[in-house]
């Protein structure tokens, strides 16, 4: 199950990604927002991150206009490794090396086809499990 959430700036791309997930048969939970009314991105970044951190969802996708603010919000939740990606190589590498569990996208920065490719890459790429990457990821939890 994928948790997905956005503010008003990411709403349109979130809706397109939801349709893409449905087409691919990928289960998701939409935590909001539910229209283009102005709202605050931290609430939705936190909501997705908590679903992932608590094990209710395997991974998350968060969107705001740039992806920056909502990624910062998601990363405030312990156990979350949210990566802002604007290309497929970054999406692949953050899964392989960082075991990122939440993907951030900029709704005002990406076209839908590129966004779909990034989402597909992020969701299909496993963590490498190499000892050096396991060690480094564990260090991310340290103060």
C-alpha atoms as a PDB file:
ATOM      1  CA  UNK A   1       0.000   0.000   0.000  1.00  0.00           C
ATOM      2  CA  UNK A   2       1.260   3.461  -0.957  1.00  0.00           C
ATOM      3  CA  UNK A   3       0.349   6.548   1.082  1.00  0.00           C
ATOM      4  CA  UNK A   4      -0.024   9.627  -1.104  1.00  0.00           C
ATOM      5  CA  UNK A   5      -0.632  13.224  -0.138  1.00  0.00           C
ATOM      6  CA  UNK A   6      -0.229  16.748  -1.429  1.00  0.00           C
ATOM      7  CA  UNK A   7      -1.033  20.340  -0.801  1.00  0.00           C
ATOM      8  CA  UNK A   8      -2.897  22.472  -3.348  1.00  0.00           C
ATOM      9  CA  UNK A   9       0.289  22.983  -5.409  1.00  0.00           C
ATOM     10  CA  UNK A  10       0.699  19.260  -5.954  1.00  0.00           C
ATOM     11  CA  UNK A  11      -2.991  18.371  -6.171  1.00  0.00           C
ATOM     12  CA  UNK A  12      -3.325  18.093  -9.965  1.00  0.00           C
ATOM     13  CA  UNK A  13      -0.229  15.907 -10.379  1.00  0.00           C
ATOM     14  CA  UNK A  14      -1.297  13.809  -7.382  1.00  0.00           C
ATOM     15  CA  UNK A  15      -4.616  13.093  -9.081  1.00  0.00           C
ATOM     16  CA  UNK A  16      -2.801  12.005 -12.250  1.00  0.00           C
ATOM     17  CA  UNK A  17      -0.459   9.775 -10.234  1.00  0.00           C
ATOM     18  CA  UNK A  18      -3.452   8.223  -8.465  1.00  0.00           C
ATOM     19  CA  UNK A  19      -4.972   7.340 -11.848  1.00  0.00           C
ATOM     20  CA  UNK A  20      -1.596   5.898 -12.881  1.00  0.00           C
ATOM     21  CA  UNK A  21      -1.407   3.787  -9.706  1.00  0.00           C
ATOM     22  CA  UNK A  22      -4.939   2.524 -10.328  1.00  0.00           C
ATOM     23  CA  UNK A  23      -4.037   1.616 -13.921  1.00  0.00           C
ATOM     24  CA  UNK A  24      -0.996  -0.309 -12.633  1.00  0.00           C
ATOM     25  CA  UNK A  25      -3.073  -2.075  -9.957  1.00  0.00           C
ATOM     26  CA  UNK A  26      -1.121  -0.510  -7.090  1.00  0.00           C
ATOM     27  CA  UNK A  27      -3.088   0.001  -3.861  1.00  0.00           C
ATOM     28  CA  UNK A  28      -2.892   3.457  -2.317  1.00  0.00           C
ATOM     29  CA  UNK A  29      -4.345   5.590   0.436  1.00  0.00           C
ATOM     30  CA  UNK A  30      -4.956   9.258  -0.356  1.00  0.00           C
ATOM     31  CA  UNK A  31      -4.492  11.315   2.824  1.00  0.00           C
ATOM     32  CA  UNK A  32      -5.385  14.637   1.138  1.00  0.00           C
ATOM     33  CA  UNK A  33      -5.683  17.344   0.156  1.00  0.00           C
ATOM     34  CA  UNK A  34      -8.856  16.772  -1.788  1.00  0.00           C
ATOM     35  CA  UNK A  35      -9.161  19.941  -3.895  1.00  0.00           C
ATOM     36  CA  UNK A  36      -7.156  22.973  -5.003  1.00  0.00           C
ATOM     37  CA  UNK A  37      -8.081  25.154  -2.016  1.00  0.00           C
ATOM     38  CA  UNK A  38      -5.050  26.723  -0.367  1.00  0.00           C
ATOM     39  CA  UNK A  39      -3.729  24.534   2.446  1.00  0.00           C
ATOM     40  CA  UNK A  40      -0.559  23.861   4.427  1.00  0.00           C
ATOM     41  CA  UNK A  41       1.839  21.214   3.087  1.00  0.00           C
ATOM     42  CA  UNK A  42       3.251  20.081   6.490  1.00  0.00           C
ATOM     43  CA  UNK A  43      -0.042  18.439   7.460  1.00  0.00           C
ATOM     44  CA  UNK A  44      -0.003  16.216   4.373  1.00  0.00           C
ATOM     45  CA  UNK A  45       3.725  15.491   4.501  1.00  0.00           C
ATOM     46  CA  UNK A  46       3.354  14.422   8.127  1.00  0.00           C
ATOM     47  CA  UNK A  47       0.238  12.333   7.394  1.00  0.00           C
ATOM     48  CA  UNK A  48       1.982  10.317   4.671  1.00  0.00           C
ATOM     49  CA  UNK A  49       5.158   9.961   6.729  1.00  0.00           C
ATOM     50  CA  UNK A  50       3.276   8.686   9.783  1.00  0.00           C
ATOM     51  CA  UNK A  51       1.467   6.067   7.672  1.00  0.00           C
ATOM     52  CA  UNK A  52       4.836   4.781   6.438  1.00  0.00           C
ATOM     53  CA  UNK A  53       6.658   5.057   9.780  1.00  0.00           C
ATOM     54  CA  UNK A  54       3.880   3.170  11.577  1.00  0.00           C
ATOM     55  CA  UNK A  55       3.908   0.406   8.962  1.00  0.00           C
ATOM     56  CA  UNK A  56       0.392   1.108   7.707  1.00  0.00           C
ATOM     57  CA  UNK A  57       1.832   1.740   4.226  1.00  0.00           C
ATOM     58  CA  UNK A  58       4.972   0.375   2.586  1.00  0.00           C
ATOM     59  CA  UNK A  59       6.037   3.602   0.907  1.00  0.00           C
ATOM     60  CA  UNK A  60       4.791   7.131   0.423  1.00  0.00           C
ATOM     61  CA  UNK A  61       4.550   9.826  -2.218  1.00  0.00           C
ATOM     62  CA  UNK A  62       4.262  13.508  -1.286  1.00  0.00           C
ATOM     63  CA  UNK A  63       3.782  16.499  -3.558  1.00  0.00           C
ATOM     64  CA  UNK A  64       3.774  20.265  -3.285  1.00  0.00           C
ATOM     65  CA  UNK A  65       4.617  22.884  -5.918  1.00  0.00           C
ATOM     66  CA  UNK A  66       8.386  22.268  -5.747  1.00  0.00           C
ATOM     67  CA  UNK A  67       8.481  19.149  -3.581  1.00  0.00           C
ATOM     68  CA  UNK A  68      10.913  20.889  -1.241  1.00  0.00           C
ATOM     69  CA  UNK A  69       8.673  21.954   1.633  1.00  0.00           C
ATOM     70  CA  UNK A  70       6.703  18.729   1.815  1.00  0.00           C
ATOM     71  CA  UNK A  71       9.910  16.659   1.720  1.00  0.00           C
ATOM     72  CA  UNK A  72      11.252  18.621   4.678  1.00  0.00           C
ATOM     73  CA  UNK A  73       7.978  18.018   6.529  1.00  0.00           C
ATOM     74  CA  UNK A  74       8.023  14.278   5.813  1.00  0.00           C
ATOM     75  CA  UNK A  75      11.635  13.990   6.952  1.00  0.00           C
ATOM     76  CA  UNK A  76      10.710  15.348  10.399  1.00  0.00           C
ATOM     77  CA  UNK A  77       9.003  12.021  11.191  1.00  0.00           C
ATOM     78  CA  UNK A  78      11.424   9.497  12.743  1.00  0.00           C
ATOM     79  CA  UNK A  79      12.170   6.575  10.456  1.00  0.00           C
ATOM     80  CA  UNK A  80      11.369   8.461   7.266  1.00  0.00           C
ATOM     81  CA  UNK A  81      13.871   8.900   4.482  1.00  0.00           C
ATOM     82  CA  UNK A  82      12.112  11.155   1.994  1.00  0.00           C
ATOM     83  CA  UNK A  83      13.909  11.989  -1.242  1.00  0.00           C
ATOM     84  CA  UNK A  84      12.948  14.749  -3.653  1.00  0.00           C
ATOM     85  CA  UNK A  85      13.484  13.376  -7.152  1.00  0.00           C
ATOM     86  CA  UNK A  86      13.180  15.077 -10.518  1.00  0.00           C
ATOM     87  CA  UNK A  87      14.629  12.268 -12.650  1.00  0.00           C
ATOM     88  CA  UNK A  88      14.557   8.481 -12.775  1.00  0.00           C
ATOM     89  CA  UNK A  89      18.235   8.004 -11.927  1.00  0.00           C
ATOM     90  CA  UNK A  90      17.791   9.844  -8.621  1.00  0.00           C
ATOM     91  CA  UNK A  91      14.709   7.730  -7.870  1.00  0.00           C
ATOM     92  CA  UNK A  92      16.665   4.550  -8.584  1.00  0.00           C
ATOM     93  CA  UNK A  93      19.731   5.544  -6.593  1.00  0.00           C
ATOM     94  CA  UNK A  94      17.837   6.762  -3.536  1.00  0.00           C
ATOM     95  CA  UNK A  95      16.157   3.373  -3.296  1.00  0.00           C
ATOM     96  CA  UNK A  96      19.343   1.375  -3.972  1.00  0.00           C
ATOM     97  CA  UNK A  97      21.636   3.337  -1.665  1.00  0.00           C
ATOM     98  CA  UNK A  98      19.438   5.230   0.823  1.00  0.00           C
ATOM     99  CA  UNK A  99      16.469   2.880   1.190  1.00  0.00           C
ATOM    100  CA  UNK A 100      14.246   5.949   0.820  1.00  0.00           C
ATOM    101  CA  UNK A 101      10.699   5.145   1.844  1.00  0.00           C
ATOM    102  CA  UNK A 102       8.961   8.340   0.728  1.00  0.00           C
ATOM    103  CA  UNK A 103       9.239  10.029  -2.673  1.00  0.00           C
ATOM    104  CA  UNK A 104       8.717  13.779  -2.998  1.00  0.00           C
ATOM    105  CA  UNK A 105       7.754  15.367  -6.311  1.00  0.00           C
ATOM    106  CA  UNK A 106       7.219  18.942  -7.435  1.00  0.00           C
ATOM    107  CA  UNK A 107       3.763  19.347  -8.930  1.00  0.00           C
ATOM    108  CA  UNK A 108       4.799  22.558 -10.643  1.00  0.00           C
ATOM    109  CA  UNK A 109       8.125  21.170 -11.826  1.00  0.00           C
ATOM    110  CA  UNK A 110       7.354  17.888 -13.608  1.00  0.00           C
ATOM    111  CA  UNK A 111       5.235  16.747 -16.506  1.00  0.00           C
ATOM    112  CA  UNK A 112       3.026  13.755 -15.888  1.00  0.00           C
ATOM    113  CA  UNK A 113       4.968  11.291 -18.083  1.00  0.00           C
ATOM    114  CA  UNK A 114       8.249  11.992 -16.290  1.00  0.00           C
ATOM    115  CA  UNK A 115       6.456  11.872 -12.934  1.00  0.00           C
ATOM    116  CA  UNK A 116       4.998   8.445 -13.798  1.00  0.00           C
ATOM    117  CA  UNK A 117       8.465   7.172 -14.772  1.00  0.00           C
ATOM    118  CA  UNK A 118       9.938   8.471 -11.499  1.00  0.00           C
ATOM    119  CA  UNK A 119       7.134   6.873  -9.465  1.00  0.00           C
ATOM    120  CA  UNK A 120       7.494   3.549 -11.296  1.00  0.00           C
ATOM    121  CA  UNK A 121      11.271   3.542 -10.793  1.00  0.00           C
ATOM    122  CA  UNK A 122      10.976   4.431  -7.111  1.00  0.00           C
ATOM    123  CA  UNK A 123       8.348   1.782  -6.421  1.00  0.00           C
ATOM    124  CA  UNK A 124      10.068  -1.005  -8.364  1.00  0.00           C
ATOM    125  CA  UNK A 125      13.664  -0.515  -7.208  1.00  0.00           C
ATOM    126  CA  UNK A 126      14.677  -2.517  -4.136  1.00  0.00           C
ATOM    127  CA  UNK A 127      17.215  -1.447  -1.534  1.00  0.00           C
ATOM    128  CA  UNK A 128      20.570  -3.008  -2.427  1.00  0.00           C
ATOM    129  CA  UNK A 129      21.180  -4.310   1.101  1.00  0.00           C
ATOM    130  CA  UNK A 130      24.940  -3.919   0.625  1.00  0.00           C
ATOM    131  CA  UNK A 131      26.709  -3.708   3.979  1.00  0.00           C
ATOM    132  CA  UNK A 132      28.079  -0.214   3.320  1.00  0.00           C
ATOM    133  CA  UNK A 133      24.615   1.100   2.463  1.00  0.00           C
ATOM    134  CA  UNK A 134      23.012  -0.633   5.452  1.00  0.00           C
ATOM    135  CA  UNK A 135      25.662   0.977   7.666  1.00  0.00           C
ATOM    136  CA  UNK A 136      25.141   4.419   6.171  1.00  0.00           C
ATOM    137  CA  UNK A 137      21.351   4.251   6.350  1.00  0.00           C
ATOM    138  CA  UNK A 138      21.559   3.254  10.041  1.00  0.00           C
ATOM    139  CA  UNK A 139      23.709   6.335  10.658  1.00  0.00           C
ATOM    140  CA  UNK A 140      20.917   8.552   9.305  1.00  0.00           C
ATOM    141  CA  UNK A 141      18.909   7.783  12.443  1.00  0.00           C
ATOM    142  CA  UNK A 142      21.686   9.068  14.711  1.00  0.00           C
ATOM    143  CA  UNK A 143      21.568  12.677  15.964  1.00  0.00           C
END
